[in-house]
Amino acid sequence: MSTSYLVAKSSVIEELIVNRSRFICYLAPSASIEQTKVFLKHVQQLHPQASHHCYAYLAERADSRQHYGFSDDGEPSGTAGKPMLTVLQGHGVGEICAVVVRYFGGTKLGTGGLQRAYSGSVRQALALLTSKIKIPMVSKTLACQYSQITDVLHVIEKLGGFVIEQVFSDGVNLQVKLPEDNLDIIAKKIKTISSGSIVLHELDESNELTPSNESPN
């Protein structure tokens, strides 16, 4: 089960100068490689004369072992993208991308110098980043009687869920969004207040609610 995690909320632009080379770090929220590519293209258009446009991104939570990537963009292998990614992961904020633009200042920095410059650029920008908590939500359906609806809605809303759709017939069918963190608690509370008559179900493929006086196909 997924749990709540921090994600990037703001965009940041911060510059670091190392031996006359300029390292301009751009941070932005990003939940996919596609969003990162769009942002990278935007930064490249802002700095067409730059020596390199290196990037790293986390498309999910910071500690996810999937959905991340990086690029050295012509810098020696392992000196830019990977150090940038390591800093992002260590910061603990997911769904973020970092693009560092480098303008060469005439002095070679060496492998270690480049690693420190790129990682330092991202670290300096992260100090200015604001974040927010993302709560993973799941879709469920349930059927209840009119006499039960007030208590059911109270449980759902108190624990961070909300109603997407309602169908009224002999009873009430609800499609709801529930925080995954609280899913088990919500299911148990609804089962308790209904003496076991109300059960949460997966949303069917048609995304349509079945009136409560009919049985699902």
N, C-alpha and C. Protein backbone atom coordinates (compact mmCIF):
# COMPACT_ATOMS: atom_id res chain seq x y z
N MET A 1 0.84 -1.19 0.00
CA MET A 1 0.00 0.00 0.00
C MET A 1 0.88 1.24 0.00
N SER A 2 0.53 2.21 -0.83
CA SER A 2 1.27 3.46 -0.89
C SER A 2 0.95 4.31 0.32
N THR A 3 1.89 5.15 0.71
CA THR A 3 1.68 6.07 1.81
C THR A 3 1.92 7.50 1.32
N SER A 4 1.51 8.46 2.13
CA SER A 4 1.69 9.86 1.76
C SER A 4 3.17 10.19 1.64
N TYR A 5 3.49 11.13 0.76
CA TYR A 5 4.88 11.52 0.60
C TYR A 5 4.97 12.96 0.10
N LEU A 6 6.15 13.55 0.26
CA LEU A 6 6.38 14.93 -0.15
C LEU A 6 6.65 15.01 -1.65
N VAL A 7 6.09 16.03 -2.30
CA VAL A 7 6.35 16.30 -3.71
C VAL A 7 6.68 17.77 -3.87
N ALA A 8 7.35 18.09 -4.97
CA ALA A 8 7.71 19.48 -5.24
C ALA A 8 6.45 20.32 -5.50
N LYS A 9 6.45 21.52 -4.94
CA LYS A 9 5.32 22.44 -5.12
C LYS A 9 5.71 23.64 -5.97
N SER A 10 6.94 24.12 -5.81
CA SER A 10 7.36 25.35 -6.47
C SER A 10 8.42 25.09 -7.53
N SER A 11 8.68 26.10 -8.34
CA SER A 11 9.82 26.09 -9.26
C SER A 11 10.92 26.98 -8.68
N VAL A 12 12.16 26.65 -8.99
CA VAL A 12 13.30 27.39 -8.45
C VAL A 12 14.33 27.60 -9.54
N ILE A 13 14.97 28.76 -9.55
CA ILE A 13 16.12 29.03 -10.41
C ILE A 13 17.23 29.56 -9.51
N GLU A 14 18.37 28.91 -9.52
CA GLU A 14 19.48 29.33 -8.67
C GLU A 14 20.80 29.11 -9.41
N GLU A 15 21.73 30.04 -9.25
CA GLU A 15 23.00 29.97 -9.97
C GLU A 15 24.18 29.77 -9.02
N LEU A 16 25.11 28.94 -9.48
CA LEU A 16 26.34 28.68 -8.75
C LEU A 16 27.51 28.91 -9.72
N ILE A 17 28.53 29.64 -9.27
CA ILE A 17 29.70 29.88 -10.11
C ILE A 17 30.91 29.17 -9.52
N VAL A 18 31.55 28.34 -10.34
CA VAL A 18 32.72 27.58 -9.92
C VAL A 18 33.83 27.80 -10.95
N ASN A 19 34.91 28.44 -10.53
CA ASN A 19 36.03 28.72 -11.45
C ASN A 19 35.56 29.34 -12.77
N ARG A 20 34.70 30.33 -12.64
CA ARG A 20 34.16 31.10 -13.77
C ARG A 20 33.16 30.34 -14.63
N SER A 21 32.93 29.06 -14.35
CA SER A 21 31.85 28.34 -15.03
C SER A 21 30.55 28.62 -14.29
N ARG A 22 29.49 28.88 -15.05
CA ARG A 22 28.17 29.14 -14.47
C ARG A 22 27.35 27.87 -14.49
N PHE A 23 26.79 27.52 -13.35
CA PHE A 23 25.89 26.38 -13.23
C PHE A 23 24.54 26.91 -12.76
N ILE A 24 23.58 26.93 -13.68
CA ILE A 24 22.25 27.47 -13.36
C ILE A 24 21.29 26.30 -13.20
N CYS A 25 20.78 26.12 -11.99
CA CYS A 25 19.89 25.00 -11.71
C CYS A 25 18.43 25.44 -11.78
N TYR A 26 17.66 24.70 -12.55
CA TYR A 26 16.22 24.90 -12.65
C TYR A 26 15.53 23.68 -12.03
N LEU A 27 14.68 23.91 -11.04
CA LEU A 27 13.88 22.87 -10.43
C LEU A 27 12.41 23.10 -10.78
N ALA A 28 11.67 22.01 -11.00
CA ALA A 28 10.25 22.14 -11.29
C ALA A 28 9.52 20.86 -10.90
N PRO A 29 8.24 20.96 -10.54
CA PRO A 29 7.46 19.75 -10.29
C PRO A 29 7.37 18.93 -11.57
N SER A 30 7.45 17.61 -11.45
CA SER A 30 7.36 16.74 -12.62
C SER A 30 6.98 15.34 -12.17
N ALA A 31 5.89 14.81 -12.72
CA ALA A 31 5.41 13.48 -12.34
C ALA A 31 5.63 12.44 -13.43
N SER A 32 6.41 12.77 -14.45
CA SER A 32 6.65 11.80 -15.53
C SER A 32 7.85 12.24 -16.35
N ILE A 33 8.41 11.30 -17.12
CA ILE A 33 9.51 11.62 -18.02
C ILE A 33 9.04 12.58 -19.10
N GLU A 34 7.77 12.46 -19.50
CA GLU A 34 7.23 13.37 -20.52
C GLU A 34 7.25 14.82 -20.03
N GLN A 35 6.83 15.04 -18.78
CA GLN A 35 6.85 16.39 -18.23
C GLN A 35 8.28 16.91 -18.11
N THR A 36 9.20 16.02 -17.75
CA THR A 36 10.60 16.41 -17.64
C THR A 36 11.15 16.82 -19.00
N LYS A 37 10.81 16.08 -20.04
CA LYS A 37 11.30 16.40 -21.38
C LYS A 37 10.78 17.76 -21.85
N VAL A 38 9.52 18.05 -21.54
CA VAL A 38 8.95 19.35 -21.90
C VAL A 38 9.69 20.47 -21.17
N PHE A 39 9.96 20.27 -19.89
CA PHE A 39 10.67 21.28 -19.11
C PHE A 39 12.10 21.44 -19.61
N LEU A 40 12.76 20.32 -19.93
CA LEU A 40 14.12 20.36 -20.45
C LEU A 40 14.18 21.17 -21.75
N LYS A 41 13.23 20.93 -22.64
CA LYS A 41 13.19 21.66 -23.90
C LYS A 41 13.02 23.16 -23.66
N HIS A 42 12.19 23.49 -22.69
CA HIS A 42 11.98 24.90 -22.34
C HIS A 42 13.28 25.54 -21.87
N VAL A 43 14.02 24.85 -21.01
CA VAL A 43 15.28 25.39 -20.51
C VAL A 43 16.32 25.50 -21.63
N GLN A 44 16.34 24.50 -22.51
CA GLN A 44 17.26 24.55 -23.66
C GLN A 44 16.98 25.75 -24.55
N GLN A 45 15.72 26.08 -24.70
CA GLN A 45 15.36 27.24 -25.52
C GLN A 45 15.76 28.55 -24.84
N LEU A 46 15.77 28.55 -23.50
CA LEU A 46 16.20 29.74 -22.76
C LEU A 46 17.72 29.93 -22.84
N HIS A 47 18.45 28.81 -23.00
CA HIS A 47 19.92 28.85 -22.98
C HIS A 47 20.50 28.07 -24.17
N PRO A 48 20.24 28.53 -25.38
CA PRO A 48 20.71 27.79 -26.56
C PRO A 48 22.24 27.78 -26.70
N GLN A 49 22.93 28.72 -26.09
CA GLN A 49 24.39 28.81 -26.22
C GLN A 49 25.14 28.11 -25.09
N ALA A 50 24.42 27.49 -24.16
CA ALA A 50 25.07 26.84 -23.02
C ALA A 50 25.87 25.62 -23.48
N SER A 51 26.90 25.29 -22.71
CA SER A 51 27.74 24.14 -23.04
C SER A 51 27.01 22.82 -22.83
N HIS A 52 26.21 22.74 -21.76
CA HIS A 52 25.51 21.49 -21.42
C HIS A 52 24.18 21.81 -20.76
N HIS A 53 23.23 20.87 -20.92
CA HIS A 53 21.94 20.93 -20.24
C HIS A 53 21.73 19.56 -19.58
N CYS A 54 22.25 19.36 -18.41
CA CYS A 54 22.16 18.08 -17.72
C CYS A 54 20.90 18.02 -16.87
N TYR A 55 20.35 16.82 -16.71
CA TYR A 55 19.11 16.74 -15.92
C TYR A 55 19.04 15.46 -15.10
N ALA A 56 18.14 15.50 -14.13
CA ALA A 56 17.78 14.33 -13.32
C ALA A 56 16.34 14.52 -12.89
N TYR A 57 15.61 13.42 -12.73
CA TYR A 57 14.21 13.55 -12.31
C TYR A 57 13.77 12.36 -11.47
N LEU A 58 12.78 12.61 -10.64
CA LEU A 58 12.09 11.58 -9.86
C LEU A 58 10.61 11.69 -10.18
N ALA A 59 10.03 10.69 -10.82
CA ALA A 59 8.64 10.78 -11.23
C ALA A 59 7.67 10.29 -10.15
N GLU A 60 8.21 9.71 -9.08
CA GLU A 60 7.37 9.27 -7.97
C GLU A 60 7.97 9.77 -6.66
N ARG A 61 7.76 9.02 -5.59
CA ARG A 61 8.34 9.39 -4.30
C ARG A 61 9.86 9.34 -4.37
N ALA A 62 10.52 10.04 -3.47
CA ALA A 62 11.98 10.16 -3.54
C ALA A 62 12.69 8.83 -3.38
N ASP A 63 12.12 7.90 -2.60
CA ASP A 63 12.78 6.63 -2.36
C ASP A 63 12.34 5.51 -3.30
N SER A 64 11.58 5.86 -4.34
CA SER A 64 11.14 4.86 -5.31
C SER A 64 12.32 4.32 -6.10
N ARG A 65 12.33 3.04 -6.36
CA ARG A 65 13.40 2.43 -7.13
C ARG A 65 13.07 2.36 -8.62
N GLN A 66 11.98 2.98 -9.00
CA GLN A 66 11.57 3.02 -10.40
C GLN A 66 11.21 4.46 -10.77
N HIS A 67 11.05 4.68 -12.06
CA HIS A 67 10.55 5.97 -12.57
C HIS A 67 11.45 7.14 -12.19
N TYR A 68 12.71 7.00 -12.47
CA TYR A 68 13.65 8.09 -12.32
C TYR A 68 14.63 8.02 -13.49
N GLY A 69 15.38 9.07 -13.71
CA GLY A 69 16.34 9.08 -14.81
C GLY A 69 17.27 10.27 -14.71
N PHE A 70 18.28 10.28 -15.57
CA PHE A 70 19.25 11.37 -15.56
C PHE A 70 20.04 11.37 -16.86
N SER A 71 20.73 12.48 -17.15
CA SER A 71 21.55 12.60 -18.34
C SER A 71 22.74 13.51 -18.07
N ASP A 72 23.93 13.10 -18.56
CA ASP A 72 25.13 13.92 -18.45
C ASP A 72 25.26 14.92 -19.59
N ASP A 73 24.47 14.76 -20.64
CA ASP A 73 24.46 15.66 -21.79
C ASP A 73 25.87 16.06 -22.24
N GLY A 74 26.71 15.07 -22.46
CA GLY A 74 28.03 15.35 -23.01
C GLY A 74 29.14 15.55 -21.99
N GLU A 75 28.78 15.74 -20.72
CA GLU A 75 29.81 15.79 -19.69
C GLU A 75 30.38 14.38 -19.49
N PRO A 76 31.58 14.23 -18.93
CA PRO A 76 32.12 12.89 -18.68
C PRO A 76 31.13 12.04 -17.89
N SER A 77 31.03 10.77 -18.27
CA SER A 77 30.04 9.87 -17.67
C SER A 77 30.13 9.86 -16.14
N GLY A 78 28.99 10.04 -15.51
CA GLY A 78 28.91 9.98 -14.06
C GLY A 78 29.24 11.26 -13.33
N THR A 79 29.48 12.35 -14.06
CA THR A 79 29.90 13.59 -13.40
C THR A 79 28.77 14.60 -13.22
N ALA A 80 27.62 14.37 -13.84
CA ALA A 80 26.55 15.37 -13.79
C ALA A 80 25.21 14.78 -13.38
N GLY A 81 24.59 14.01 -14.28
CA GLY A 81 23.24 13.51 -14.04
C GLY A 81 23.12 12.66 -12.78
N LYS A 82 24.04 11.71 -12.61
CA LYS A 82 23.94 10.82 -11.44
C LYS A 82 24.15 11.57 -10.13
N PRO A 83 25.15 12.44 -10.01
CA PRO A 83 25.27 13.23 -8.78
C PRO A 83 24.04 14.10 -8.51
N MET A 84 23.44 14.65 -9.57
CA MET A 84 22.22 15.43 -9.40
C MET A 84 21.09 14.57 -8.86
N LEU A 85 20.95 13.35 -9.42
CA LEU A 85 19.90 12.43 -8.97
C LEU A 85 20.10 12.05 -7.51
N THR A 86 21.33 11.78 -7.13
CA THR A 86 21.62 11.39 -5.75
C THR A 86 21.20 12.48 -4.76
N VAL A 87 21.44 13.74 -5.13
CA VAL A 87 21.04 14.85 -4.27
C VAL A 87 19.51 14.93 -4.18
N LEU A 88 18.83 14.77 -5.30
CA LEU A 88 17.36 14.79 -5.29
C LEU A 88 16.82 13.70 -4.39
N GLN A 89 17.34 12.49 -4.52
CA GLN A 89 16.86 11.37 -3.71
C GLN A 89 17.11 11.62 -2.22
N GLY A 90 18.26 12.19 -1.91
CA GLY A 90 18.60 12.45 -0.51
C GLY A 90 17.76 13.55 0.13
N HIS A 91 17.22 14.42 -0.71
CA HIS A 91 16.41 15.53 -0.18
C HIS A 91 15.05 15.05 0.30
N GLY A 92 14.56 13.93 -0.22
CA GLY A 92 13.32 13.35 0.26
C GLY A 92 12.05 13.90 -0.36
N VAL A 93 12.16 14.66 -1.44
CA VAL A 93 10.98 15.22 -2.13
C VAL A 93 10.87 14.59 -3.50
N GLY A 94 9.71 14.00 -3.80
CA GLY A 94 9.51 13.33 -5.08
C GLY A 94 8.81 14.20 -6.10
N GLU A 95 8.55 13.61 -7.27
CA GLU A 95 7.88 14.27 -8.39
C GLU A 95 8.53 15.62 -8.69
N ILE A 96 9.81 15.55 -9.03
CA ILE A 96 10.61 16.75 -9.25
C ILE A 96 11.64 16.49 -10.35
N CYS A 97 11.98 17.52 -11.10
CA CYS A 97 13.07 17.41 -12.06
C CYS A 97 14.03 18.58 -11.86
N ALA A 98 15.28 18.32 -12.15
CA ALA A 98 16.33 19.34 -12.05
C ALA A 98 17.08 19.39 -13.36
N VAL A 99 17.22 20.57 -13.90
CA VAL A 99 18.03 20.80 -15.10
C VAL A 99 19.12 21.80 -14.72
N VAL A 100 20.36 21.41 -14.94
CA VAL A 100 21.47 22.32 -14.66
C VAL A 100 22.13 22.72 -15.97
N VAL A 101 22.10 24.01 -16.23
CA VAL A 101 22.69 24.59 -17.43
C VAL A 101 24.12 25.02 -17.09
N ARG A 102 25.07 24.60 -17.92
CA ARG A 102 26.46 25.00 -17.66
C ARG A 102 26.99 25.87 -18.79
N TYR A 103 27.57 27.00 -18.41
CA TYR A 103 28.32 27.83 -19.32
C TYR A 103 29.80 27.69 -18.94
N PHE A 104 30.59 27.12 -19.84
CA PHE A 104 31.99 26.84 -19.55
C PHE A 104 32.77 28.13 -19.36
N GLY A 105 33.55 28.19 -18.27
CA GLY A 105 34.27 29.42 -17.95
C GLY A 105 35.71 29.44 -18.35
N GLY A 106 36.17 28.39 -19.07
CA GLY A 106 37.54 28.38 -19.56
C GLY A 106 38.49 27.54 -18.74
N THR A 107 38.06 27.09 -17.57
CA THR A 107 38.92 26.27 -16.72
C THR A 107 38.29 24.90 -16.53
N LYS A 108 39.02 23.84 -16.88
CA LYS A 108 38.50 22.50 -16.68
C LYS A 108 38.45 22.17 -15.19
N LEU A 109 37.37 21.54 -14.77
CA LEU A 109 37.16 21.28 -13.35
C LEU A 109 37.57 19.87 -12.93
N GLY A 110 37.78 18.99 -13.91
CA GLY A 110 38.11 17.61 -13.57
C GLY A 110 36.87 16.85 -13.14
N THR A 111 37.00 15.52 -13.06
CA THR A 111 35.85 14.66 -12.73
C THR A 111 35.26 15.00 -11.37
N GLY A 112 36.10 15.08 -10.35
CA GLY A 112 35.61 15.39 -9.02
C GLY A 112 35.02 16.78 -8.93
N GLY A 113 35.64 17.73 -9.61
CA GLY A 113 35.14 19.10 -9.59
C GLY A 113 33.77 19.22 -10.23
N LEU A 114 33.58 18.50 -11.32
CA LEU A 114 32.27 18.51 -11.98
C LEU A 114 31.20 17.88 -11.09
N GLN A 115 31.53 16.76 -10.48
CA GLN A 115 30.56 16.12 -9.59
C GLN A 115 30.14 17.05 -8.46
N ARG A 116 31.12 17.73 -7.87
CA ARG A 116 30.80 18.65 -6.78
C ARG A 116 30.01 19.86 -7.27
N ALA A 117 30.32 20.33 -8.46
CA ALA A 117 29.63 21.51 -8.99
C ALA A 117 28.17 21.20 -9.32
N TYR A 118 27.94 20.08 -10.01
CA TYR A 118 26.56 19.74 -10.38
C TYR A 118 25.72 19.38 -9.16
N SER A 119 26.29 18.59 -8.27
CA SER A 119 25.53 18.23 -7.06
C SER A 119 25.32 19.46 -6.18
N GLY A 120 26.34 20.31 -6.08
CA GLY A 120 26.22 21.52 -5.28
C GLY A 120 25.20 22.49 -5.84
N SER A 121 25.11 22.56 -7.14
CA SER A 121 24.13 23.43 -7.78
C SER A 121 22.71 23.01 -7.43
N VAL A 122 22.44 21.70 -7.50
CA VAL A 122 21.11 21.18 -7.16
C VAL A 122 20.84 21.37 -5.67
N ARG A 123 21.82 21.08 -4.85
CA ARG A 123 21.64 21.20 -3.39
C ARG A 123 21.33 22.64 -3.00
N GLN A 124 22.00 23.58 -3.63
CA GLN A 124 21.76 25.00 -3.34
C GLN A 124 20.36 25.41 -3.75
N ALA A 125 19.88 24.91 -4.89
CA ALA A 125 18.52 25.24 -5.35
C ALA A 125 17.46 24.59 -4.47
N LEU A 126 17.72 23.36 -4.01
CA LEU A 126 16.75 22.66 -3.16
C LEU A 126 16.49 23.39 -1.85
N ALA A 127 17.46 24.17 -1.40
CA ALA A 127 17.27 24.94 -0.17
C ALA A 127 16.16 25.96 -0.31
N LEU A 128 15.81 26.31 -1.55
CA LEU A 128 14.76 27.31 -1.82
C LEU A 128 13.43 26.67 -2.21
N LEU A 129 13.41 25.35 -2.34
CA LEU A 129 12.22 24.65 -2.82
C LEU A 129 11.14 24.56 -1.75
N THR A 130 9.89 24.72 -2.15
CA THR A 130 8.77 24.43 -1.26
C THR A 130 8.12 23.12 -1.71
N SER A 131 7.56 22.40 -0.77
CA SER A 131 6.97 21.09 -1.06
C SER A 131 5.59 20.98 -0.44
N LYS A 132 4.88 19.93 -0.78
CA LYS A 132 3.57 19.66 -0.21
C LYS A 132 3.41 18.15 -0.06
N ILE A 133 2.44 17.75 0.73
CA ILE A 133 2.19 16.33 0.95
C ILE A 133 1.22 15.82 -0.11
N LYS A 134 1.58 14.72 -0.77
CA LYS A 134 0.68 14.07 -1.71
C LYS A 134 0.09 12.83 -1.05
N ILE A 135 -1.22 12.74 -1.10
CA ILE A 135 -1.92 11.59 -0.50
C ILE A 135 -2.46 10.72 -1.63
N PRO A 136 -1.92 9.53 -1.85
CA PRO A 136 -2.44 8.63 -2.88
C PRO A 136 -3.90 8.27 -2.60
N MET A 137 -4.74 8.37 -3.62
CA MET A 137 -6.17 8.09 -3.47
C MET A 137 -6.55 6.88 -4.33
N VAL A 138 -7.56 6.15 -3.89
CA VAL A 138 -8.08 5.01 -4.64
C VAL A 138 -9.58 5.18 -4.84
N SER A 139 -10.10 4.63 -5.94
CA SER A 139 -11.53 4.72 -6.24
C SER A 139 -12.24 3.46 -5.75
N LYS A 140 -13.38 3.64 -5.10
CA LYS A 140 -14.18 2.53 -4.60
C LYS A 140 -15.66 2.83 -4.83
N THR A 141 -16.47 1.79 -4.77
CA THR A 141 -17.92 1.97 -4.81
C THR A 141 -18.52 1.25 -3.62
N LEU A 142 -19.71 1.70 -3.23
CA LEU A 142 -20.43 1.03 -2.14
C LEU A 142 -21.91 1.32 -2.30
N ALA A 143 -22.72 0.45 -1.74
CA ALA A 143 -24.17 0.61 -1.76
C ALA A 143 -24.68 0.64 -0.32
N CYS A 144 -25.58 1.57 -0.03
CA CYS A 144 -26.13 1.65 1.32
C CYS A 144 -27.60 2.08 1.26
N GLN A 145 -28.25 2.02 2.39
CA GLN A 145 -29.64 2.46 2.49
C GLN A 145 -29.68 3.95 2.84
N TYR A 146 -30.83 4.56 2.59
CA TYR A 146 -30.97 5.99 2.88
C TYR A 146 -30.75 6.27 4.37
N SER A 147 -31.13 5.34 5.21
CA SER A 147 -30.97 5.52 6.65
C SER A 147 -29.51 5.47 7.08
N GLN A 148 -28.64 4.95 6.20
CA GLN A 148 -27.23 4.80 6.54
C GLN A 148 -26.34 5.89 5.95
N ILE A 149 -26.86 6.67 5.01
CA ILE A 149 -26.02 7.55 4.21
C ILE A 149 -25.32 8.62 5.06
N THR A 150 -25.99 9.16 6.06
CA THR A 150 -25.38 10.21 6.89
C THR A 150 -24.15 9.68 7.62
N ASP A 151 -24.28 8.51 8.21
CA ASP A 151 -23.16 7.91 8.94
C ASP A 151 -22.02 7.54 7.99
N VAL A 152 -22.36 7.02 6.83
CA VAL A 152 -21.34 6.63 5.84
C VAL A 152 -20.55 7.85 5.37
N LEU A 153 -21.26 8.91 5.04
CA LEU A 153 -20.58 10.13 4.58
C LEU A 153 -19.72 10.73 5.69
N HIS A 154 -20.18 10.64 6.91
CA HIS A 154 -19.40 11.18 8.03
C HIS A 154 -18.05 10.45 8.14
N VAL A 155 -18.07 9.13 8.03
CA VAL A 155 -16.84 8.35 8.11
C VAL A 155 -15.90 8.70 6.95
N ILE A 156 -16.45 8.75 5.75
CA ILE A 156 -15.64 9.01 4.57
C ILE A 156 -14.98 10.39 4.63
N GLU A 157 -15.77 11.40 4.96
CA GLU A 157 -15.26 12.77 4.97
C GLU A 157 -14.31 13.01 6.13
N LYS A 158 -14.59 12.41 7.28
CA LYS A 158 -13.74 12.60 8.45
C LYS A 158 -12.33 12.04 8.21
N LEU A 159 -12.24 10.99 7.41
CA LEU A 159 -10.95 10.33 7.17
C LEU A 159 -10.34 10.71 5.82
N GLY A 160 -10.78 11.84 5.25
CA GLY A 160 -10.11 12.40 4.08
C GLY A 160 -10.62 11.96 2.72
N GLY A 161 -11.75 11.27 2.68
CA GLY A 161 -12.31 10.86 1.39
C GLY A 161 -13.37 11.83 0.90
N PHE A 162 -13.85 11.60 -0.31
CA PHE A 162 -14.93 12.44 -0.84
C PHE A 162 -15.71 11.67 -1.90
N VAL A 163 -16.93 12.13 -2.15
CA VAL A 163 -17.84 11.47 -3.09
C VAL A 163 -17.63 12.00 -4.50
N ILE A 164 -17.51 11.09 -5.47
CA ILE A 164 -17.38 11.45 -6.88
C ILE A 164 -18.74 11.45 -7.57
N GLU A 165 -19.55 10.44 -7.26
CA GLU A 165 -20.84 10.29 -7.94
C GLU A 165 -21.82 9.57 -7.02
N GLN A 166 -23.10 9.92 -7.16
CA GLN A 166 -24.14 9.27 -6.38
C GLN A 166 -25.26 8.82 -7.32
N VAL A 167 -25.80 7.63 -7.07
CA VAL A 167 -26.97 7.14 -7.81
C VAL A 167 -28.04 6.77 -6.79
N PHE A 168 -29.22 7.37 -6.94
CA PHE A 168 -30.31 7.14 -6.00
C PHE A 168 -31.36 6.22 -6.63
N SER A 169 -31.72 5.17 -5.90
CA SER A 169 -32.74 4.24 -6.35
C SER A 169 -33.47 3.75 -5.10
N ASP A 170 -33.64 2.45 -4.96
CA ASP A 170 -34.20 1.93 -3.71
C ASP A 170 -33.23 2.21 -2.56
N GLY A 171 -31.96 2.34 -2.89
CA GLY A 171 -30.93 2.71 -1.93
C GLY A 171 -30.03 3.74 -2.58
N VAL A 172 -28.83 3.88 -2.07
CA VAL A 172 -27.88 4.84 -2.60
C VAL A 172 -26.58 4.14 -2.97
N ASN A 173 -26.13 4.37 -4.18
CA ASN A 173 -24.83 3.87 -4.62
C ASN A 173 -23.86 5.04 -4.72
N LEU A 174 -22.68 4.87 -4.18
CA LEU A 174 -21.69 5.92 -4.17
C LEU A 174 -20.42 5.47 -4.87
N GLN A 175 -19.84 6.39 -5.64
CA GLN A 175 -18.46 6.21 -6.11
C GLN A 175 -17.64 7.22 -5.33
N VAL A 176 -16.59 6.74 -4.67
CA VAL A 176 -15.83 7.61 -3.77
C VAL A 176 -14.33 7.52 -4.04
N LYS A 177 -13.63 8.57 -3.63
CA LYS A 177 -12.17 8.58 -3.62
C LYS A 177 -11.74 8.54 -2.16
N LEU A 178 -10.88 7.58 -1.84
CA LEU A 178 -10.45 7.40 -0.46
C LEU A 178 -8.94 7.44 -0.36
N PRO A 179 -8.41 8.06 0.70
CA PRO A 179 -6.95 8.06 0.88
C PRO A 179 -6.46 6.64 1.15
N GLU A 180 -5.47 6.20 0.40
CA GLU A 180 -5.00 4.84 0.51
C GLU A 180 -4.46 4.54 1.91
N ASP A 181 -3.88 5.55 2.56
CA ASP A 181 -3.39 5.38 3.93
C ASP A 181 -4.49 4.94 4.89
N ASN A 182 -5.70 5.45 4.67
CA ASN A 182 -6.81 5.21 5.61
C ASN A 182 -7.82 4.18 5.10
N LEU A 183 -7.50 3.50 4.01
CA LEU A 183 -8.48 2.62 3.37
C LEU A 183 -8.98 1.53 4.32
N ASP A 184 -8.07 0.87 5.01
CA ASP A 184 -8.48 -0.21 5.91
C ASP A 184 -9.33 0.31 7.06
N ILE A 185 -8.95 1.46 7.59
CA ILE A 185 -9.71 2.04 8.70
C ILE A 185 -11.12 2.40 8.25
N ILE A 186 -11.23 3.01 7.08
CA ILE A 186 -12.55 3.39 6.55
C ILE A 186 -13.41 2.16 6.33
N ALA A 187 -12.83 1.13 5.72
CA ALA A 187 -13.59 -0.11 5.45
C ALA A 187 -14.11 -0.72 6.75
N LYS A 188 -13.27 -0.74 7.79
CA LYS A 188 -13.68 -1.33 9.08
C LYS A 188 -14.76 -0.51 9.74
N LYS A 189 -14.64 0.82 9.71
CA LYS A 189 -15.64 1.68 10.34
C LYS A 189 -16.99 1.57 9.64
N ILE A 190 -16.96 1.53 8.30
CA ILE A 190 -18.21 1.40 7.55
C ILE A 190 -18.84 0.04 7.81
N LYS A 191 -18.02 -0.98 7.91
CA LYS A 191 -18.54 -2.32 8.21
C LYS A 191 -19.17 -2.35 9.60
N THR A 192 -18.54 -1.64 10.55
CA THR A 192 -19.06 -1.62 11.92
C THR A 192 -20.39 -0.89 12.01
N ILE A 193 -20.48 0.30 11.42
CA ILE A 193 -21.71 1.08 11.55
C ILE A 193 -22.87 0.46 10.79
N SER A 194 -22.56 -0.41 9.84
CA SER A 194 -23.63 -1.05 9.05
C SER A 194 -23.85 -2.50 9.44
N SER A 195 -23.20 -2.93 10.52
CA SER A 195 -23.28 -4.33 10.97
C SER A 195 -22.90 -5.31 9.85
N GLY A 196 -21.93 -4.89 9.04
CA GLY A 196 -21.40 -5.76 8.00
C GLY A 196 -22.15 -5.74 6.69
N SER A 197 -23.19 -4.89 6.57
CA SER A 197 -24.00 -4.91 5.34
C SER A 197 -23.40 -4.07 4.22
N ILE A 198 -22.46 -3.17 4.55
CA ILE A 198 -21.85 -2.31 3.52
C ILE A 198 -20.40 -2.72 3.32
N VAL A 199 -20.07 -2.99 2.06
CA VAL A 199 -18.72 -3.43 1.71
C VAL A 199 -18.18 -2.54 0.59
N LEU A 200 -16.91 -2.15 0.69
CA LEU A 200 -16.29 -1.39 -0.38
C LEU A 200 -15.91 -2.32 -1.52
N HIS A 201 -16.16 -1.86 -2.75
CA HIS A 201 -15.84 -2.66 -3.94
C HIS A 201 -14.93 -1.87 -4.87
N GLU A 202 -14.17 -2.60 -5.69
CA GLU A 202 -13.38 -1.95 -6.73
C GLU A 202 -14.32 -1.33 -7.75
N LEU A 203 -13.90 -0.22 -8.32
CA LEU A 203 -14.68 0.42 -9.37
C LEU A 203 -14.66 -0.45 -10.61
N ASP A 204 -15.84 -0.75 -11.19
CA ASP A 204 -15.85 -1.65 -12.35
C ASP A 204 -15.30 -0.93 -13.58
N GLU A 205 -14.98 -1.69 -14.61
CA GLU A 205 -14.29 -1.16 -15.79
C GLU A 205 -15.10 -0.11 -16.53
N SER A 206 -16.42 -0.17 -16.42
CA SER A 206 -17.26 0.79 -17.14
C SER A 206 -17.33 2.14 -16.43
N ASN A 207 -16.79 2.17 -15.16
CA ASN A 207 -16.85 3.39 -14.35
C ASN A 207 -18.27 3.87 -14.12
N GLU A 208 -19.22 2.94 -14.20
CA GLU A 208 -20.62 3.30 -13.97
C GLU A 208 -21.10 2.64 -12.69
N LEU A 209 -21.97 3.32 -11.99
CA LEU A 209 -22.53 2.77 -10.77
C LEU A 209 -23.78 1.97 -11.08
N THR A 210 -23.95 0.86 -10.38
CA THR A 210 -25.13 0.04 -10.53
C THR A 210 -26.16 0.42 -9.47
N PRO A 211 -27.39 0.72 -9.82
CA PRO A 211 -28.39 1.05 -8.81
C PRO A 211 -28.43 -0.03 -7.74
N SER A 212 -28.65 0.39 -6.48
CA SER A 212 -28.49 -0.54 -5.36
C SER A 212 -29.56 -1.60 -5.29
N ASN A 213 -30.64 -1.53 -6.09
CA ASN A 213 -31.64 -2.59 -6.06
C ASN A 213 -31.37 -3.62 -7.14
N GLU A 214 -30.21 -3.51 -7.83
CA GLU A 214 -29.83 -4.47 -8.85
C GLU A 214 -28.51 -5.10 -8.48
N SER A 215 -28.26 -6.27 -8.99
CA SER A 215 -26.99 -6.95 -8.75
C SER A 215 -26.05 -6.64 -9.89
N PRO A 216 -24.75 -6.42 -9.59
CA PRO A 216 -23.78 -6.17 -10.68
C PRO A 216 -23.73 -7.36 -11.61
N ASN A 217 -23.49 -7.09 -12.91
CA ASN A 217 -23.40 -8.18 -13.88
C ASN A 217 -22.14 -9.00 -13.65
